[in-house]
């Protein structure tokens, strides 16, 4: 049995294996099932999918963000709200929040023959996310984070600080409530 991964967009990726030029074995992912395939992911590696559905093989990263910290951010973002949907991920010492417009209203008007569950599945499958907010771990011992939002002004297009650092539990509520609101752009 070959190692496979089905992305949120519905594509199935197959893990292939083959010889390296200098000796050894290399692995790669492909949507094609033809060719020599690996039966498992090599030790120390993982199949990773980005929030926008890109799939690749990578070394397992060292996790600096704790699961309880991620849950503080994930829980409030679990349900689509204010016409937006959210994905939360940890990358190194950063918790990143990605936002996509929720196109369910348009789908309900144009695809009335589909069930609500099927409409939701399709909306998630084709959602395109962009980063809007992040919390960067500054002090691993005290677990202090710096809140930032992405600035979409043409002259800036970078992360800007939106407040003083502190524990994530104290930062989550005051900043997450601005997601999907115009007030997000007033934070700086």
Protein backbone atom coordinates (compact mmCIF):
# COMPACT_ATOMS: atom_id res chain seq x y z
CA UNK A 1 0.00 0.00 0.00
CA UNK A 2 1.47 3.34 -1.01
CA UNK A 3 1.52 6.45 1.16
CA UNK A 4 -1.08 8.98 -0.03
CA UNK A 5 -2.59 12.26 1.09
CA UNK A 6 -5.88 13.82 -0.05
CA UNK A 7 -5.83 17.61 0.22
CA UNK A 8 -8.78 19.77 1.22
CA UNK A 9 -9.19 20.64 -2.46
CA UNK A 10 -9.84 16.96 -3.21
CA UNK A 11 -6.56 16.10 -4.96
CA UNK A 12 -4.83 12.87 -4.01
CA UNK A 13 -1.04 12.99 -3.73
CA UNK A 14 1.15 9.88 -3.94
CA UNK A 15 4.53 9.57 -2.25
CA UNK A 16 7.09 8.41 -4.80
CA UNK A 17 10.57 7.12 -4.17
CA UNK A 18 13.67 6.79 -6.31
CA UNK A 19 17.47 6.87 -6.27
CA UNK A 20 19.46 10.07 -5.66
CA UNK A 21 22.34 10.98 -7.96
CA UNK A 22 24.96 10.62 -5.24
CA UNK A 23 23.41 7.48 -3.77
CA UNK A 24 20.59 7.02 -1.30
CA UNK A 25 16.86 7.43 -1.76
CA UNK A 26 14.78 10.51 -2.47
CA UNK A 27 11.06 11.05 -1.97
CA UNK A 28 8.60 13.37 -3.68
CA UNK A 29 4.84 13.89 -3.90
CA UNK A 30 2.90 13.77 -7.15
CA UNK A 31 -0.72 13.65 -8.22
CA UNK A 32 0.24 10.87 -10.64
CA UNK A 33 -0.07 7.29 -9.40
CA UNK A 34 2.41 5.90 -11.96
CA UNK A 35 5.96 5.10 -10.92
CA UNK A 36 7.73 3.64 -7.89
CA UNK A 37 5.88 4.54 -4.71
CA UNK A 38 6.88 4.58 -1.06
CA UNK A 39 4.75 2.59 1.38
CA UNK A 40 5.37 5.01 4.27
CA UNK A 41 6.61 8.53 5.01
CA UNK A 42 10.34 8.49 5.88
CA UNK A 43 11.18 8.87 9.57
CA UNK A 44 11.60 12.49 10.61
CA UNK A 45 9.45 13.77 7.73
CA UNK A 46 5.77 14.60 7.29
CA UNK A 47 3.36 15.34 4.50
CA UNK A 48 2.37 18.98 5.05
CA UNK A 49 -0.58 20.85 3.55
CA UNK A 50 -0.68 24.65 3.62
CA UNK A 51 -3.94 26.45 4.40
CA UNK A 52 -4.42 27.01 0.67
CA UNK A 53 -4.04 23.33 -0.19
CA UNK A 54 -0.44 23.10 -1.41
CA UNK A 55 1.04 19.74 -0.42
CA UNK A 56 4.70 18.82 0.05
CA UNK A 57 7.03 16.57 2.01
CA UNK A 58 9.05 18.32 4.72
CA UNK A 59 11.12 17.61 7.79
CA UNK A 60 9.01 17.56 10.93
CA UNK A 61 9.47 21.00 12.47
CA UNK A 62 10.27 21.53 16.13
CA UNK A 63 7.05 22.64 17.81
CA UNK A 64 7.58 25.81 19.85
CA UNK A 65 3.90 26.67 20.28
CA UNK A 66 1.98 24.52 22.75
CA UNK A 67 -1.31 22.89 21.83
CA UNK A 68 -3.21 24.72 24.59
CA UNK A 69 -1.96 28.03 23.16
CA UNK A 70 -3.17 27.08 19.70
CA UNK A 71 -6.56 26.13 21.14
CA UNK A 72 -6.90 29.65 22.64
CA UNK A 73 -6.82 30.99 19.08
CA UNK A 74 -8.53 28.10 17.22
CA UNK A 75 -11.62 27.80 19.41
CA UNK A 76 -13.05 31.28 18.68
CA UNK A 77 -12.29 30.90 14.95
CA UNK A 78 -13.88 27.45 14.50
CA UNK A 79 -17.16 28.69 12.98
CA UNK A 80 -17.40 31.07 10.00
CA UNK A 81 -18.50 34.50 11.19
CA UNK A 82 -19.04 37.97 9.77
CA UNK A 83 -18.89 36.49 6.26
CA UNK A 84 -15.37 35.13 6.85
CA UNK A 85 -13.77 31.81 7.67
CA UNK A 86 -10.46 31.24 9.46
CA UNK A 87 -7.55 28.79 9.67
CA UNK A 88 -4.98 28.88 12.47
CA UNK A 89 -1.52 27.35 12.27
CA UNK A 90 1.78 27.39 14.14
CA UNK A 91 4.98 28.05 12.21
CA UNK A 92 8.04 27.96 14.43
CA UNK A 93 7.51 30.58 17.12
CA UNK A 94 4.49 32.20 15.45
CA UNK A 95 0.74 31.54 15.62
CA UNK A 96 -0.75 32.72 12.32
CA UNK A 97 -4.41 33.42 11.59
CA UNK A 98 -5.51 33.14 7.96
CA UNK A 99 -8.80 34.61 6.69
CA UNK A 100 -10.95 33.84 3.63
CA UNK A 101 -14.21 35.36 2.56
CA UNK A 102 -17.07 32.97 3.12
CA UNK A 103 -18.89 32.56 -0.18
CA UNK A 104 -21.80 30.58 1.28
CA UNK A 105 -24.33 33.38 0.68
CA UNK A 106 -23.65 33.33 -3.06
CA UNK A 107 -23.64 29.53 -3.11
CA UNK A 108 -27.00 29.34 -1.32
CA UNK A 109 -28.47 31.62 -3.97
CA UNK A 110 -27.01 29.77 -6.96
CA UNK A 111 -26.82 26.14 -5.78
CA UNK A 112 -30.13 25.65 -4.00
CA UNK A 113 -30.27 22.03 -5.13
CA UNK A 114 -27.29 21.17 -2.88
CA UNK A 115 -27.66 20.38 0.81
CA UNK A 116 -26.30 22.89 3.33
CA UNK A 117 -23.60 20.38 4.28
CA UNK A 118 -22.52 19.99 0.63
CA UNK A 119 -22.50 23.78 0.17
CA UNK A 120 -20.25 24.12 3.24
CA UNK A 121 -17.89 21.41 1.95
CA UNK A 122 -17.56 23.12 -1.43
CA UNK A 123 -17.05 26.55 0.17
CA UNK A 124 -14.19 25.17 2.29
CA UNK A 125 -12.70 23.26 -0.64
CA UNK A 126 -12.38 26.40 -2.77
CA UNK A 127 -11.63 28.99 -0.05
CA UNK A 128 -8.50 31.06 -0.59
CA UNK A 129 -6.84 32.23 2.64
CA UNK A 130 -4.55 35.18 3.34
CA UNK A 131 -2.70 35.96 6.55
CA UNK A 132 -4.26 38.73 8.63
CA UNK A 133 -2.97 38.42 12.21
CA UNK A 134 -0.24 36.68 14.13
CA UNK A 135 1.13 36.28 17.63
CA UNK A 136 4.92 35.90 17.84
CA UNK A 137 6.50 34.16 20.82
CA UNK A 138 9.02 36.58 22.33
CA UNK A 139 9.79 34.93 25.66
CA UNK A 140 9.52 31.12 25.76
CA UNK A 141 10.00 30.98 29.53
CA UNK A 142 7.25 33.47 30.45
CA UNK A 143 5.21 32.55 27.31
CA UNK A 144 4.83 36.16 26.18
CA UNK A 145 3.63 36.92 22.66
CA UNK A 146 3.63 40.06 20.50
CA UNK A 147 0.37 40.76 18.60
CA UNK A 148 0.68 41.89 14.97
CA UNK A 149 -1.59 42.34 11.98
CA UNK A 150 -0.77 42.43 8.31
CA UNK A 151 -0.87 45.91 6.80
CA UNK A 152 -2.32 45.87 3.29
CA UNK A 153 -1.38 49.42 2.33
CA UNK A 154 0.60 49.42 -0.89
CA UNK A 155 3.52 51.29 0.62
CA UNK A 156 3.84 48.95 3.61
CA UNK A 157 2.66 45.37 2.88
CA UNK A 158 4.25 43.97 6.01
CA UNK A 159 3.50 43.05 9.61
CA UNK A 160 2.87 45.89 12.06
CA UNK A 161 2.70 45.77 15.84
CA UNK A 162 -0.79 46.31 17.26
CA UNK A 163 -0.09 46.21 20.99
CA UNK A 164 2.16 45.45 23.90
CA UNK A 165 3.43 41.87 24.39
CA UNK A 166 1.87 39.65 27.02
CA UNK A 167 0.48 36.17 27.74
CA UNK A 168 -1.58 34.76 24.88
CA UNK A 169 -4.61 34.25 27.13
CA UNK A 170 -4.71 38.00 27.77
CA UNK A 171 -4.13 38.97 24.13
CA UNK A 172 -6.55 36.62 22.37
CA UNK A 173 -9.86 38.20 23.40
CA UNK A 174 -9.01 41.86 22.83
CA UNK A 175 -7.54 41.25 19.36
CA UNK A 176 -9.50 38.30 17.92
CA UNK A 177 -12.79 40.21 18.22
CA UNK A 178 -11.55 42.53 15.43
CA UNK A 179 -11.22 39.73 12.84
CA UNK A 180 -13.70 40.21 10.02
CA UNK A 181 -14.42 43.78 11.18
CA UNK A 182 -13.34 47.18 9.85
CA UNK A 183 -11.88 47.88 13.29
CA UNK A 184 -9.02 45.48 12.45
CA UNK A 185 -7.51 48.17 10.21
CA UNK A 186 -7.59 50.71 13.02
CA UNK A 187 -5.26 48.60 15.18
CA UNK A 188 -1.65 49.89 15.22
